[in-house]
Structures are given as structure tokens and as C-alpha cells.
Amino acid sequence: MAEMTVELVAVEQRLWSGSATLVSAQTTEGEIGIMYGHEPVLGQLIEAGVVAITTADGERVVAAVHGGFLSVTGTTVTILAESADFAGDVDVEAAKAVLAETTEDLEAIAIARGQLRAVERA
């Protein structure tokens, strides 16, 4: 199967970089799946979204992303997120606690929702 170069970058750091066979992401236009040879596209990631990467080794990397962009060429995918967390690093209880609180911090609520979605998809 043909492989493409993928980078998942958050404002703070590069989270993942490598070869992959499939990338799926939630954009403002809907969920998109990217494979090698895809037509070039630029998409805006949704708040509280999920990105899933199937590596060249067949592993699955799932991350909660909060806003940002997805840039695709025929051989590369670059995901530039405002913030991102690997599903395996999410503190599920802390995310649930944020949702249970009556807080006015809408950004914290959106991030917690995205984290829980990522855990469900992992």
C-alpha cells in the first residue's frame, strides 16, 4: 500500500511525524479520509475534533484536536492544531469532571468533549 508523510503539530510541539496509509479528520465541511494520491485540499478542523492516523506499520494513532487546519498534497498531510492530546494521554475522569461542572469556560468544555471522543475512537 502506498504511504504518505504525515505530521501532527500543535502550537506547543510536534506530536507525531511519520509514514501513514490513512488519515481521517473532522473538518468544518465534514469528516474526511485521506490516502496517498489524494487531491490537494486545505480544511479547517472543528473544535473538539478527532484525528486518526493509520501508520505504515498498521498502528492507529488517535488524537483529540481543538481547532486548526489540515493541509493535504498528493504525498503529505500536515495537521496544524491549536491544541492536541493523544487519546492514550487523556485523563478521562478529569475530562468528565470538566463537563460535569457548571463552568462558563466554553473552550475547556470543547477540549474535554474532544478528548472523550478521541478516547472512544482509540
N, C-alpha and C. Protein backbone atom coordinates (compact mmCIF):
# COMPACT_ATOMS: atom_id res chain seq x y z
N MET A 1 0.85 -1.18 0.00
CA MET A 1 0.00 0.00 0.00
C MET A 1 0.90 1.24 0.00
N ALA A 2 0.51 2.25 -0.76
CA ALA A 2 1.29 3.49 -0.84
C ALA A 2 1.22 4.26 0.47
N GLU A 3 2.33 4.90 0.79
CA GLU A 3 2.43 5.64 2.04
C GLU A 3 2.61 7.12 1.79
N MET A 4 2.20 7.92 2.76
CA MET A 4 2.38 9.37 2.68
C MET A 4 3.04 9.84 3.97
N THR A 5 3.63 11.01 3.92
CA THR A 5 4.25 11.61 5.09
C THR A 5 3.21 12.43 5.83
N VAL A 6 3.12 12.19 7.14
CA VAL A 6 2.11 12.88 7.96
C VAL A 6 2.80 13.55 9.14
N GLU A 7 2.36 14.77 9.44
CA GLU A 7 2.82 15.48 10.63
C GLU A 7 1.60 15.99 11.39
N LEU A 8 1.59 15.74 12.69
CA LEU A 8 0.57 16.27 13.59
C LEU A 8 1.27 17.23 14.53
N VAL A 9 0.95 18.52 14.37
CA VAL A 9 1.64 19.57 15.10
C VAL A 9 0.63 20.41 15.87
N ALA A 10 0.92 20.64 17.15
CA ALA A 10 0.14 21.57 17.95
C ALA A 10 1.00 22.81 18.17
N VAL A 11 0.38 23.85 18.66
CA VAL A 11 1.11 25.10 18.88
C VAL A 11 2.35 24.85 19.74
N GLU A 12 2.23 24.01 20.75
CA GLU A 12 3.32 23.78 21.68
C GLU A 12 4.42 22.88 21.14
N GLN A 13 4.08 21.91 20.27
CA GLN A 13 5.06 20.91 19.86
C GLN A 13 4.58 20.05 18.70
N ARG A 14 5.54 19.34 18.08
CA ARG A 14 5.21 18.32 17.09
C ARG A 14 4.87 17.06 17.87
N LEU A 15 3.64 16.57 17.67
CA LEU A 15 3.19 15.40 18.42
C LEU A 15 3.55 14.09 17.73
N TRP A 16 3.42 14.08 16.41
CA TRP A 16 3.69 12.84 15.69
C TRP A 16 4.13 13.17 14.27
N SER A 17 5.07 12.40 13.77
CA SER A 17 5.53 12.56 12.40
C SER A 17 5.96 11.19 11.90
N GLY A 18 5.58 10.85 10.68
CA GLY A 18 5.98 9.56 10.13
C GLY A 18 5.21 9.21 8.88
N SER A 19 5.32 7.96 8.48
CA SER A 19 4.63 7.46 7.30
C SER A 19 3.30 6.85 7.70
N ALA A 20 2.30 7.08 6.87
CA ALA A 20 0.97 6.55 7.16
C ALA A 20 0.27 6.15 5.87
N THR A 21 -0.74 5.31 6.03
CA THR A 21 -1.53 4.87 4.88
C THR A 21 -2.89 5.53 4.85
N LEU A 22 -3.36 6.05 6.01
CA LEU A 22 -4.68 6.66 6.08
C LEU A 22 -4.71 7.70 7.20
N VAL A 23 -5.35 8.82 6.91
CA VAL A 23 -5.60 9.85 7.91
C VAL A 23 -7.07 10.22 7.81
N SER A 24 -7.75 10.28 8.95
CA SER A 24 -9.12 10.79 8.96
C SER A 24 -9.18 11.94 9.94
N ALA A 25 -9.96 12.96 9.58
CA ALA A 25 -10.06 14.15 10.42
C ALA A 25 -11.45 14.74 10.28
N GLN A 26 -11.87 15.43 11.33
CA GLN A 26 -13.16 16.09 11.32
C GLN A 26 -12.94 17.56 10.97
N THR A 27 -13.51 17.98 9.84
CA THR A 27 -13.38 19.36 9.41
C THR A 27 -14.74 20.05 9.47
N THR A 28 -14.74 21.34 9.26
CA THR A 28 -16.00 22.09 9.27
C THR A 28 -16.91 21.67 8.13
N GLU A 29 -16.38 20.99 7.13
CA GLU A 29 -17.17 20.51 6.00
C GLU A 29 -17.59 19.05 6.16
N GLY A 30 -17.17 18.42 7.25
CA GLY A 30 -17.49 17.02 7.50
C GLY A 30 -16.22 16.21 7.70
N GLU A 31 -16.38 14.92 7.95
CA GLU A 31 -15.22 14.06 8.17
C GLU A 31 -14.59 13.70 6.83
N ILE A 32 -13.26 13.72 6.80
CA ILE A 32 -12.55 13.45 5.56
C ILE A 32 -11.52 12.35 5.80
N GLY A 33 -11.39 11.47 4.83
CA GLY A 33 -10.38 10.42 4.87
C GLY A 33 -9.37 10.69 3.77
N ILE A 34 -8.10 10.60 4.10
CA ILE A 34 -7.03 10.91 3.17
C ILE A 34 -6.15 9.69 2.98
N MET A 35 -5.90 9.34 1.72
CA MET A 35 -4.95 8.28 1.38
C MET A 35 -3.95 8.85 0.39
N TYR A 36 -2.87 8.11 0.16
CA TYR A 36 -1.84 8.54 -0.78
C TYR A 36 -2.47 8.89 -2.13
N GLY A 37 -2.05 9.99 -2.72
CA GLY A 37 -2.55 10.41 -4.02
C GLY A 37 -3.80 11.27 -3.95
N HIS A 38 -4.26 11.63 -2.75
CA HIS A 38 -5.46 12.46 -2.60
C HIS A 38 -5.24 13.81 -3.27
N GLU A 39 -6.28 14.36 -3.79
CA GLU A 39 -6.22 15.70 -4.37
C GLU A 39 -5.83 16.70 -3.28
N PRO A 40 -5.07 17.73 -3.63
CA PRO A 40 -4.73 18.75 -2.63
C PRO A 40 -5.99 19.40 -2.05
N VAL A 41 -5.94 19.63 -0.75
CA VAL A 41 -7.08 20.24 -0.07
C VAL A 41 -6.56 20.95 1.18
N LEU A 42 -7.26 21.99 1.55
CA LEU A 42 -7.00 22.69 2.81
C LEU A 42 -8.32 22.70 3.56
N GLY A 43 -8.32 22.21 4.78
CA GLY A 43 -9.54 22.13 5.56
C GLY A 43 -9.37 22.72 6.94
N GLN A 44 -10.44 23.27 7.48
CA GLN A 44 -10.44 23.80 8.84
C GLN A 44 -10.94 22.72 9.78
N LEU A 45 -10.15 22.40 10.81
CA LEU A 45 -10.54 21.39 11.78
C LEU A 45 -11.60 21.96 12.72
N ILE A 46 -12.51 21.10 13.15
CA ILE A 46 -13.55 21.56 14.07
C ILE A 46 -12.98 21.66 15.48
N GLU A 47 -13.66 22.45 16.30
CA GLU A 47 -13.34 22.49 17.72
C GLU A 47 -13.78 21.14 18.29
N ALA A 48 -13.05 20.60 19.21
CA ALA A 48 -13.38 19.31 19.84
C ALA A 48 -13.41 18.17 18.84
N GLY A 49 -12.49 18.19 17.88
CA GLY A 49 -12.46 17.16 16.86
C GLY A 49 -11.49 16.03 17.18
N VAL A 50 -11.48 15.05 16.29
CA VAL A 50 -10.61 13.89 16.43
C VAL A 50 -9.87 13.66 15.11
N VAL A 51 -8.58 13.34 15.22
CA VAL A 51 -7.78 12.94 14.06
C VAL A 51 -7.29 11.53 14.33
N ALA A 52 -7.43 10.65 13.34
CA ALA A 52 -6.94 9.27 13.46
C ALA A 52 -5.97 9.01 12.32
N ILE A 53 -4.82 8.45 12.66
CA ILE A 53 -3.77 8.14 11.69
C ILE A 53 -3.50 6.65 11.74
N THR A 54 -3.53 6.00 10.58
CA THR A 54 -3.11 4.60 10.49
C THR A 54 -1.70 4.62 9.96
N THR A 55 -0.75 4.20 10.79
CA THR A 55 0.65 4.27 10.41
C THR A 55 0.99 3.21 9.36
N ALA A 56 2.17 3.35 8.78
CA ALA A 56 2.64 2.38 7.79
C ALA A 56 2.79 1.00 8.41
N ASP A 57 2.98 0.94 9.73
CA ASP A 57 3.11 -0.34 10.45
C ASP A 57 1.76 -0.91 10.86
N GLY A 58 0.68 -0.21 10.52
CA GLY A 58 -0.65 -0.69 10.85
C GLY A 58 -1.16 -0.26 12.21
N GLU A 59 -0.36 0.52 12.95
CA GLU A 59 -0.82 1.02 14.24
C GLU A 59 -1.78 2.18 14.03
N ARG A 60 -2.57 2.46 15.04
CA ARG A 60 -3.54 3.55 14.98
C ARG A 60 -3.18 4.61 16.01
N VAL A 61 -3.01 5.84 15.55
CA VAL A 61 -2.71 6.97 16.42
C VAL A 61 -3.94 7.86 16.41
N VAL A 62 -4.52 8.08 17.59
CA VAL A 62 -5.74 8.89 17.69
C VAL A 62 -5.45 10.07 18.62
N ALA A 63 -5.87 11.25 18.17
CA ALA A 63 -5.65 12.45 18.97
C ALA A 63 -6.89 13.33 18.96
N ALA A 64 -7.12 13.97 20.10
CA ALA A 64 -8.16 15.00 20.20
C ALA A 64 -7.50 16.29 19.74
N VAL A 65 -8.14 16.99 18.82
CA VAL A 65 -7.59 18.26 18.34
C VAL A 65 -8.63 19.35 18.57
N HIS A 66 -8.13 20.52 18.87
CA HIS A 66 -9.02 21.65 19.13
C HIS A 66 -8.67 22.75 18.13
N GLY A 67 -9.44 22.80 17.05
CA GLY A 67 -9.23 23.83 16.05
C GLY A 67 -7.96 23.63 15.26
N GLY A 68 -7.78 24.45 14.25
CA GLY A 68 -6.59 24.39 13.42
C GLY A 68 -6.94 24.06 11.98
N PHE A 69 -5.93 23.56 11.25
CA PHE A 69 -6.08 23.31 9.83
C PHE A 69 -5.46 21.99 9.42
N LEU A 70 -5.91 21.49 8.29
CA LEU A 70 -5.42 20.27 7.67
C LEU A 70 -4.99 20.65 6.26
N SER A 71 -3.74 20.35 5.92
CA SER A 71 -3.23 20.66 4.59
C SER A 71 -2.81 19.35 3.92
N VAL A 72 -3.31 19.11 2.71
CA VAL A 72 -3.08 17.84 2.03
C VAL A 72 -2.50 18.09 0.65
N THR A 73 -1.43 17.35 0.32
CA THR A 73 -0.96 17.25 -1.06
C THR A 73 -1.05 15.78 -1.43
N GLY A 74 -0.64 15.41 -2.60
CA GLY A 74 -0.72 14.01 -3.01
C GLY A 74 0.11 13.07 -2.16
N THR A 75 1.17 13.59 -1.51
CA THR A 75 2.08 12.73 -0.75
C THR A 75 2.25 13.14 0.71
N THR A 76 1.64 14.24 1.13
CA THR A 76 1.81 14.70 2.52
C THR A 76 0.50 15.17 3.13
N VAL A 77 0.42 15.01 4.44
CA VAL A 77 -0.70 15.56 5.22
C VAL A 77 -0.07 16.27 6.42
N THR A 78 -0.42 17.52 6.59
CA THR A 78 0.04 18.28 7.74
C THR A 78 -1.18 18.75 8.52
N ILE A 79 -1.20 18.40 9.80
CA ILE A 79 -2.30 18.79 10.68
C ILE A 79 -1.73 19.80 11.67
N LEU A 80 -2.24 21.02 11.60
CA LEU A 80 -1.79 22.10 12.48
C LEU A 80 -2.93 22.43 13.42
N ALA A 81 -2.83 21.97 14.66
CA ALA A 81 -3.91 22.14 15.63
C ALA A 81 -3.55 23.21 16.65
N GLU A 82 -4.57 23.90 17.13
CA GLU A 82 -4.36 24.85 18.23
C GLU A 82 -3.88 24.12 19.48
N SER A 83 -4.49 22.99 19.76
CA SER A 83 -4.04 22.11 20.84
C SER A 83 -4.41 20.69 20.45
N ALA A 84 -3.67 19.73 20.99
CA ALA A 84 -3.93 18.32 20.67
C ALA A 84 -3.43 17.45 21.81
N ASP A 85 -4.14 16.33 22.02
CA ASP A 85 -3.78 15.35 23.04
C ASP A 85 -3.98 13.97 22.46
N PHE A 86 -2.97 13.09 22.65
CA PHE A 86 -3.15 11.71 22.25
C PHE A 86 -4.24 11.08 23.11
N ALA A 87 -5.04 10.22 22.52
CA ALA A 87 -6.13 9.57 23.26
C ALA A 87 -5.60 8.83 24.49
N GLY A 88 -4.44 8.20 24.37
CA GLY A 88 -3.86 7.46 25.48
C GLY A 88 -3.39 8.33 26.63
N ASP A 89 -3.21 9.63 26.38
CA ASP A 89 -2.75 10.55 27.42
C ASP A 89 -3.88 11.29 28.12
N VAL A 90 -5.11 11.06 27.68
CA VAL A 90 -6.25 11.79 28.23
C VAL A 90 -6.61 11.26 29.62
N ASP A 91 -6.79 12.17 30.56
CA ASP A 91 -7.30 11.83 31.89
C ASP A 91 -8.82 11.86 31.78
N VAL A 92 -9.41 10.70 31.60
CA VAL A 92 -10.85 10.59 31.35
C VAL A 92 -11.66 11.19 32.49
N GLU A 93 -11.28 10.90 33.71
CA GLU A 93 -12.03 11.41 34.86
C GLU A 93 -11.97 12.93 34.93
N ALA A 94 -10.82 13.51 34.63
CA ALA A 94 -10.69 14.97 34.64
C ALA A 94 -11.55 15.59 33.54
N ALA A 95 -11.57 14.97 32.37
CA ALA A 95 -12.40 15.49 31.27
C ALA A 95 -13.88 15.41 31.63
N LYS A 96 -14.29 14.30 32.24
CA LYS A 96 -15.69 14.16 32.66
C LYS A 96 -16.03 15.19 33.74
N ALA A 97 -15.08 15.48 34.61
CA ALA A 97 -15.31 16.47 35.67
C ALA A 97 -15.53 17.86 35.07
N VAL A 98 -14.78 18.20 34.04
CA VAL A 98 -14.96 19.50 33.38
C VAL A 98 -16.37 19.59 32.81
N LEU A 99 -16.84 18.51 32.20
CA LEU A 99 -18.19 18.52 31.62
C LEU A 99 -19.28 18.56 32.69
N ALA A 100 -18.99 17.99 33.85
CA ALA A 100 -19.99 17.95 34.92
C ALA A 100 -20.11 19.29 35.65
N GLU A 101 -19.06 20.08 35.61
CA GLU A 101 -19.08 21.37 36.29
C GLU A 101 -19.97 22.34 35.52
N THR A 102 -20.54 23.26 36.24
CA THR A 102 -21.31 24.33 35.59
C THR A 102 -20.36 25.50 35.38
N THR A 103 -19.51 25.34 34.38
CA THR A 103 -18.49 26.35 34.10
C THR A 103 -18.88 27.16 32.86
N GLU A 104 -18.41 28.36 32.81
CA GLU A 104 -18.66 29.19 31.65
C GLU A 104 -17.48 29.17 30.69
N ASP A 105 -16.48 28.34 30.97
CA ASP A 105 -15.30 28.22 30.11
C ASP A 105 -15.63 27.29 28.94
N LEU A 106 -16.17 27.87 27.88
CA LEU A 106 -16.61 27.08 26.73
C LEU A 106 -15.45 26.37 26.04
N GLU A 107 -14.29 26.98 26.05
CA GLU A 107 -13.13 26.33 25.42
C GLU A 107 -12.73 25.08 26.19
N ALA A 108 -12.74 25.14 27.52
CA ALA A 108 -12.41 23.97 28.33
C ALA A 108 -13.42 22.85 28.11
N ILE A 109 -14.68 23.21 27.97
CA ILE A 109 -15.73 22.22 27.71
C ILE A 109 -15.50 21.56 26.35
N ALA A 110 -15.20 22.36 25.33
CA ALA A 110 -14.96 21.82 23.99
C ALA A 110 -13.75 20.89 23.98
N ILE A 111 -12.69 21.28 24.65
CA ILE A 111 -11.49 20.44 24.71
C ILE A 111 -11.80 19.12 25.41
N ALA A 112 -12.53 19.16 26.51
CA ALA A 112 -12.90 17.93 27.23
C ALA A 112 -13.75 17.02 26.36
N ARG A 113 -14.70 17.60 25.63
CA ARG A 113 -15.53 16.78 24.73
C ARG A 113 -14.67 16.10 23.66
N GLY A 114 -13.74 16.85 23.09
CA GLY A 114 -12.85 16.27 22.07
C GLY A 114 -11.99 15.16 22.64
N GLN A 115 -11.49 15.36 23.85
CA GLN A 115 -10.67 14.33 24.48
C GLN A 115 -11.46 13.04 24.68
N LEU A 116 -12.70 13.16 25.14
CA LEU A 116 -13.52 11.96 25.35
C LEU A 116 -13.88 11.29 24.02
N ARG A 117 -14.11 12.07 22.98
CA ARG A 117 -14.36 11.48 21.65
C ARG A 117 -13.15 10.71 21.16
N ALA A 118 -11.96 11.25 21.39
CA ALA A 118 -10.73 10.58 20.96
C ALA A 118 -10.56 9.26 21.69
N VAL A 119 -10.84 9.25 22.99
CA VAL A 119 -10.71 8.01 23.77
C VAL A 119 -11.70 6.97 23.24
N GLU A 120 -12.91 7.39 22.89
CA GLU A 120 -13.90 6.46 22.35
C GLU A 120 -13.45 5.87 21.02
N ARG A 121 -12.74 6.63 20.21
CA ARG A 121 -12.31 6.16 18.89
C ARG A 121 -11.03 5.37 18.91
N ALA A 122 -10.29 5.46 20.01
CA ALA A 122 -8.99 4.78 20.08
C ALA A 122 -9.15 3.27 20.18
